[in-house]
Amino acid sequence: MEVDAGKTDSRDFDLRVKEHMAEYKRSVLKINQDGIWKRNKRPYKHILPEESWQANILEPYRESFFNAPQAKIQFHMDFHHLVSSQAMCINFFYPLIAEEQLHLLLPILGMDQMAKDCIAEACFEKESNLEIAKGRRTSFDFYMQLKPNTKIFFEIKYSENGFGKAAKDEEHLSNYSKVYMPLLKNNPAIRDRCKNEEYFLNHYQIMRNLLHIDANSTVVFIYPRDNHKINEEALQARAEVMTPGWESKFILYQWEGLLQELFKHLEDKQLIDYYNAFADKYLEY
């Protein structure tokens, strides 16, 4: 895996990505109409028209995906943004599912299981089975379960400017006390100094992910090399949060390095061509 400290300012990266996606929409997708950001009702060149939202899934797997069981998920409100990390996640993992090649990722992640039949479950938008909150539970972008009981939870990032924090309001304070503190209390993977209310809410998204780590469960963060803000926060979390001896259960991978490793294992020409197109879309900013 490749990680480096980098700089903290990701604004230039975000601008480069959006400019690249605007050109990608025109030159590759042949769509000239600007799409609307639903939050402010303004048009942007890196957003697809809402009626063209499915074009955010790459060919030749677009039709296959939307007809597959994996598509029965809640799509994000901003899925029609070409910078959508949910779309990026689907574009990366679904072809490996469709071609029964998902097991190729296991040695890359340091997993011993390599046989095709070792994967018991693979899905997008996997809700936490630990949380008892009445509201929306933590949802992982992608999830794999290996036989007999190995779980891999994926958090996918692209152009986001950092991980989410939580307000110290009544709802979040109550959730911390009733839902998360009981889970944190006996989790040996997380340092005691990071289990308090203030730290948890200040690192809300990361901590909700990491509390799922146990002897049979691994959390994987994947993000671009040049998203320095995400990289910095992920590295900081691994250094501050993980109890010594548990670091291997928290894997950090940059998209560029992960794709490079995947190409070493791919033999099918269609998949090789596909992941070159994936790189052209997402990594040529």
Protein backbone atom coordinates (compact mmCIF):
# COMPACT_ATOMS: atom_id res chain seq x y z
CA MET A 1 0.00 0.00 0.00
CA GLU A 2 1.19 3.55 -0.71
CA VAL A 3 0.70 6.40 1.73
CA ASP A 4 2.52 9.65 2.29
CA ALA A 5 2.03 12.71 4.43
CA GLY A 6 1.48 15.27 1.66
CA LYS A 7 0.00 18.73 2.11
CA THR A 8 -3.20 19.54 3.94
CA ASP A 9 -4.88 21.76 1.34
CA SER A 10 -7.00 19.74 -1.11
CA ARG A 11 -8.71 22.67 -2.82
CA ASP A 12 -6.40 22.61 -5.86
CA PHE A 13 -7.01 18.87 -6.17
CA ASP A 14 -10.78 19.37 -6.05
CA LEU A 15 -10.58 22.04 -8.76
CA ARG A 16 -8.39 19.87 -11.01
CA VAL A 17 -10.76 16.93 -10.66
CA LYS A 18 -13.84 18.99 -11.48
CA GLU A 19 -12.16 20.55 -14.53
CA HIS A 20 -11.10 17.10 -15.70
CA MET A 21 -14.62 15.72 -15.24
CA ALA A 22 -16.13 18.64 -17.15
CA GLU A 23 -13.90 17.78 -20.10
CA TYR A 24 -14.58 14.06 -19.67
CA LYS A 25 -18.32 14.71 -19.85
CA ARG A 26 -17.93 16.61 -23.12
CA SER A 27 -15.30 14.49 -24.87
CA VAL A 28 -16.08 10.95 -23.67
CA LEU A 29 -19.75 10.97 -22.71
CA LYS A 30 -20.64 13.51 -25.43
CA ILE A 31 -22.88 15.40 -23.01
CA ASN A 32 -22.72 19.19 -23.22
CA GLN A 33 -25.60 20.13 -20.93
CA ASP A 34 -24.64 21.19 -17.41
CA GLY A 35 -26.12 19.35 -14.49
CA ILE A 36 -27.77 20.91 -11.46
CA TRP A 37 -26.44 20.68 -7.92
CA LYS A 38 -29.60 19.97 -5.95
CA ARG A 39 -28.45 21.84 -2.86
CA ASN A 40 -28.18 25.26 -4.52
CA LYS A 41 -30.04 24.69 -7.84
CA ARG A 42 -27.06 26.00 -9.81
CA PRO A 43 -25.60 24.40 -12.98
CA TYR A 44 -22.07 22.95 -13.04
CA LYS A 45 -20.04 21.50 -15.86
CA HIS A 46 -18.83 18.45 -13.87
CA ILE A 47 -22.39 17.34 -13.07
CA LEU A 48 -24.54 15.21 -15.35
CA PRO A 49 -28.06 16.25 -16.26
CA GLU A 50 -30.27 14.34 -13.83
CA GLU A 51 -31.89 12.31 -16.60
CA SER A 52 -28.41 11.07 -17.60
CA TRP A 53 -27.40 9.98 -14.08
CA GLN A 54 -26.81 6.36 -15.11
CA ALA A 55 -24.03 7.52 -17.44
CA ASN A 56 -21.86 7.81 -14.33
CA ILE A 57 -21.41 4.04 -14.54
CA LEU A 58 -18.80 3.04 -17.08
CA GLU A 59 -19.44 0.93 -20.13
CA PRO A 60 -19.50 -1.97 -20.84
CA TYR A 61 -20.94 -2.77 -17.40
CA ARG A 62 -23.58 -0.03 -17.15
CA GLU A 63 -26.61 -2.06 -18.21
CA SER A 64 -25.37 -5.13 -16.39
CA PHE A 65 -25.01 -3.25 -13.12
CA PHE A 66 -28.43 -1.60 -13.16
CA ASN A 67 -30.02 -5.01 -13.80
CA ALA A 68 -27.99 -6.72 -11.09
CA PRO A 69 -28.95 -7.36 -7.44
CA GLN A 70 -26.06 -5.09 -6.40
CA ALA A 71 -27.99 -2.10 -7.80
CA LYS A 72 -30.79 -2.47 -5.26
CA ILE A 73 -29.29 0.22 -3.02
CA GLN A 74 -29.99 3.78 -1.97
CA PHE A 75 -28.15 5.99 -4.44
CA HIS A 76 -26.72 9.21 -3.07
CA MET A 77 -28.51 12.46 -3.86
CA ASP A 78 -25.39 13.64 -5.73
CA PHE A 79 -24.83 10.41 -7.67
CA HIS A 80 -25.14 12.38 -10.92
CA HIS A 81 -21.99 14.32 -10.02
CA LEU A 82 -19.08 12.84 -11.97
CA VAL A 83 -16.98 13.16 -8.80
CA SER A 84 -19.37 10.90 -6.86
CA SER A 85 -17.34 8.51 -4.71
CA GLN A 86 -20.31 6.12 -4.67
CA ALA A 87 -20.18 5.89 -8.46
CA MET A 88 -16.41 5.46 -8.31
CA CYS A 89 -16.82 2.62 -5.83
CA ILE A 90 -19.34 0.84 -8.05
CA ASN A 91 -17.21 1.38 -11.14
CA PHE A 92 -14.23 -0.22 -9.44
CA PHE A 93 -15.78 -3.22 -7.71
CA TYR A 94 -18.76 -4.24 -9.83
CA PRO A 95 -16.84 -5.50 -12.92
CA LEU A 96 -14.82 -7.80 -10.64
CA ILE A 97 -18.09 -9.14 -9.25
CA ALA A 98 -19.62 -9.57 -12.69
CA GLU A 99 -16.57 -11.41 -14.03
CA GLU A 100 -16.07 -13.47 -10.83
CA GLN A 101 -12.65 -11.90 -10.31
CA LEU A 102 -13.22 -10.21 -6.96
CA HIS A 103 -10.86 -12.68 -5.30
CA LEU A 104 -7.97 -10.98 -7.13
CA LEU A 105 -8.14 -8.20 -4.55
CA LEU A 106 -7.47 -10.51 -1.62
CA PRO A 107 -3.71 -11.00 -2.02
CA ILE A 108 -3.41 -7.26 -2.68
CA LEU A 109 -5.04 -6.69 0.71
CA GLY A 110 -2.77 -9.23 2.36
CA MET A 111 -5.48 -11.88 2.69
CA ASP A 112 -4.47 -15.53 2.41
CA GLN A 113 -7.75 -16.69 0.86
CA MET A 114 -7.44 -16.56 -2.93
CA ALA A 115 -9.97 -19.08 -4.26
CA LYS A 116 -13.04 -17.80 -6.10
CA ASP A 117 -15.38 -19.69 -3.80
CA CYS A 118 -14.02 -18.12 -0.60
CA ILE A 119 -16.24 -15.03 -1.01
CA ALA A 120 -19.55 -15.54 0.75
CA GLU A 121 -20.98 -12.04 0.25
CA ALA A 122 -20.15 -8.84 -1.64
CA CYS A 123 -22.36 -5.78 -1.66
CA PHE A 124 -22.51 -2.00 -1.80
CA GLU A 125 -23.90 0.25 0.97
CA LYS A 126 -23.57 -2.32 3.75
CA GLU A 127 -25.25 -1.15 6.94
CA SER A 128 -23.61 -1.76 10.29
CA ASN A 129 -24.84 -4.80 12.15
CA LEU A 130 -23.35 -3.50 15.40
CA GLU A 131 -25.21 -0.24 15.86
CA ILE A 132 -28.60 -0.15 17.55
CA ALA A 133 -29.41 3.45 16.66
CA LYS A 134 -32.99 4.18 15.60
CA GLY A 135 -31.76 6.50 12.87
CA ARG A 136 -29.47 5.82 9.95
CA ARG A 137 -26.71 3.37 10.79
CA THR A 138 -23.15 3.58 9.55
CA SER A 139 -23.11 2.44 5.93
CA PHE A 140 -19.95 1.12 4.30
CA ASP A 141 -19.41 1.85 0.63
CA PHE A 142 -18.45 -1.75 -0.10
CA TYR A 143 -18.34 -4.95 1.91
CA MET A 144 -16.93 -8.43 1.49
CA GLN A 145 -17.36 -11.46 3.71
CA LEU A 146 -15.03 -14.40 3.26
CA LYS A 147 -15.68 -17.92 4.44
CA PRO A 148 -15.97 -18.77 7.25
CA ASN A 149 -16.22 -15.39 9.00
CA THR A 150 -13.75 -12.78 7.74
CA LYS A 151 -15.29 -9.35 7.13
CA ILE A 152 -13.78 -6.51 5.06
CA PHE A 153 -15.38 -3.05 5.26
CA PHE A 154 -14.45 -0.43 2.64
CA GLU A 155 -14.63 3.36 2.95
CA ILE A 156 -14.20 5.01 -0.46
CA LYS A 157 -13.12 8.61 -1.02
CA TYR A 158 -12.43 10.68 -4.10
CA SER A 159 -12.60 14.49 -4.03
CA GLU A 160 -14.06 14.95 -0.53
CA ASN A 161 -12.27 17.55 1.58
CA GLY A 162 -11.78 15.41 4.67
CA PHE A 163 -13.80 13.01 6.78
CA GLY A 164 -16.98 14.03 8.52
CA LYS A 165 -17.25 15.50 12.03
CA ALA A 166 -20.36 15.65 14.22
CA ALA A 167 -21.97 18.55 16.01
CA LYS A 168 -22.12 18.33 19.78
CA ASP A 169 -25.91 18.50 19.74
CA GLU A 170 -28.42 16.45 21.69
CA GLU A 171 -28.81 13.80 18.99
CA HIS A 172 -25.10 13.10 18.55
CA LEU A 173 -24.36 13.23 22.28
CA SER A 174 -27.17 10.76 22.91
CA ASN A 175 -25.96 8.43 20.14
CA TYR A 176 -22.44 8.52 21.52
CA SER A 177 -23.67 7.59 24.99
CA LYS A 178 -26.23 4.96 24.00
CA VAL A 179 -24.80 3.46 20.80
CA TYR A 180 -21.11 4.09 20.36
CA MET A 181 -19.63 4.16 23.84
CA PRO A 182 -20.80 0.59 24.59
CA LEU A 183 -19.16 -0.55 21.35
CA LEU A 184 -15.96 1.38 22.01
CA LYS A 185 -15.67 0.32 25.63
CA ASN A 186 -14.56 -3.24 25.00
CA ASN A 187 -12.90 -2.78 21.61
CA PRO A 188 -9.21 -3.65 22.06
CA ALA A 189 -8.25 -2.26 18.63
CA ILE A 190 -8.94 1.35 19.67
CA ARG A 191 -6.79 3.21 22.20
CA ASP A 192 -8.61 4.24 25.37
CA ARG A 193 -7.59 7.89 24.89
CA CYS A 194 -9.63 7.98 21.65
CA LYS A 195 -12.84 6.60 23.17
CA ASN A 196 -13.98 9.81 24.84
CA GLU A 197 -16.90 11.89 23.62
CA GLU A 198 -14.87 14.84 22.34
CA TYR A 199 -12.45 12.77 20.25
CA PHE A 200 -15.22 10.58 18.87
CA LEU A 201 -17.38 13.48 17.68
CA ASN A 202 -14.40 15.38 16.25
CA HIS A 203 -13.48 12.29 14.20
CA TYR A 204 -17.02 11.03 13.78
CA GLN A 205 -16.92 9.30 10.40
CA ILE A 206 -13.53 7.69 10.93
CA MET A 207 -14.37 6.45 14.43
CA ARG A 208 -17.69 4.97 13.32
CA ASN A 209 -15.73 2.99 10.76
CA LEU A 210 -12.92 1.88 13.03
CA LEU A 211 -15.12 0.60 15.84
CA HIS A 212 -16.07 -2.26 13.47
CA ILE A 213 -12.54 -3.66 13.63
CA ASP A 214 -12.16 -6.90 15.55
CA ALA A 215 -10.21 -10.15 15.28
CA ASN A 216 -12.21 -11.16 12.19
CA SER A 217 -12.86 -7.73 10.68
CA THR A 218 -10.70 -5.33 8.66
CA VAL A 219 -11.44 -1.75 7.58
CA VAL A 220 -9.97 -0.45 4.30
CA PHE A 221 -9.80 3.21 3.27
CA ILE A 222 -9.17 3.93 -0.44
CA TYR A 223 -8.54 7.47 -1.71
CA PRO A 224 -6.53 9.34 -4.39
CA ARG A 225 -2.83 10.04 -3.93
CA ASP A 226 -3.31 13.79 -4.37
CA ASN A 227 -6.17 14.20 -1.93
CA HIS A 228 -3.79 15.32 0.79
CA LYS A 229 -6.49 16.21 3.32
CA ILE A 230 -7.99 12.72 3.26
CA ASN A 231 -4.53 11.16 3.32
CA GLU A 232 -3.44 13.24 6.30
CA GLU A 233 -6.54 12.44 8.34
CA ALA A 234 -6.32 8.72 7.53
CA LEU A 235 -2.66 8.55 8.53
CA GLN A 236 -3.38 10.51 11.70
CA ALA A 237 -6.17 8.11 12.62
CA ARG A 238 -3.99 5.06 12.15
CA ALA A 239 -1.24 6.59 14.29
CA GLU A 240 -3.52 7.93 17.04
CA VAL A 241 -6.40 5.48 17.21
CA MET A 242 -5.06 2.00 16.59
CA THR A 243 -3.72 0.04 19.53
CA PRO A 244 -0.21 -1.36 18.79
CA GLY A 245 -0.57 -4.75 17.18
CA TRP A 246 -3.88 -3.91 15.51
CA GLU A 247 -2.55 -1.70 12.70
CA SER A 248 -2.83 -4.48 10.10
CA LYS A 249 -6.61 -4.40 10.56
CA PHE A 250 -6.75 -0.82 9.25
CA ILE A 251 -5.52 -0.75 5.65
CA LEU A 252 -4.87 2.47 3.74
CA TYR A 253 -4.60 2.29 -0.05
CA GLN A 254 -4.28 5.04 -2.61
CA TRP A 255 -6.26 4.46 -5.80
CA GLU A 256 -3.15 4.71 -7.93
CA GLY A 257 -1.33 2.00 -5.99
CA LEU A 258 -4.35 -0.27 -5.78
CA LEU A 259 -4.94 -0.09 -9.52
CA GLN A 260 -1.26 -0.74 -10.22
CA GLU A 261 -1.41 -3.88 -8.08
CA LEU A 262 -4.65 -5.04 -9.70
CA PHE A 263 -3.13 -4.83 -13.19
CA LYS A 264 -0.48 -7.34 -12.05
CA HIS A 265 -3.23 -9.91 -11.46
CA LEU A 266 -5.54 -9.21 -14.40
CA GLU A 267 -5.33 -11.56 -17.39
CA ASP A 268 -8.61 -10.85 -19.17
CA LYS A 269 -8.14 -8.25 -21.93
CA GLN A 270 -11.63 -6.82 -21.48
CA LEU A 271 -10.95 -6.14 -17.82
CA ILE A 272 -7.53 -4.67 -18.57
CA ASP A 273 -9.11 -2.31 -21.11
CA TYR A 274 -11.88 -1.49 -18.67
CA TYR A 275 -9.56 -0.52 -15.82
CA ASN A 276 -7.51 1.61 -18.19
CA ALA A 277 -10.77 3.44 -18.93
CA PHE A 278 -11.42 3.65 -15.18
CA ALA A 279 -8.01 5.26 -14.72
CA ASP A 280 -8.68 7.68 -17.58
CA LYS A 281 -11.88 8.80 -15.91
CA TYR A 282 -10.73 9.09 -12.32
CA LEU A 283 -6.95 9.37 -12.18
CA GLU A 284 -5.98 11.55 -15.15
CA TYR A 285 -6.88 14.85 -13.48
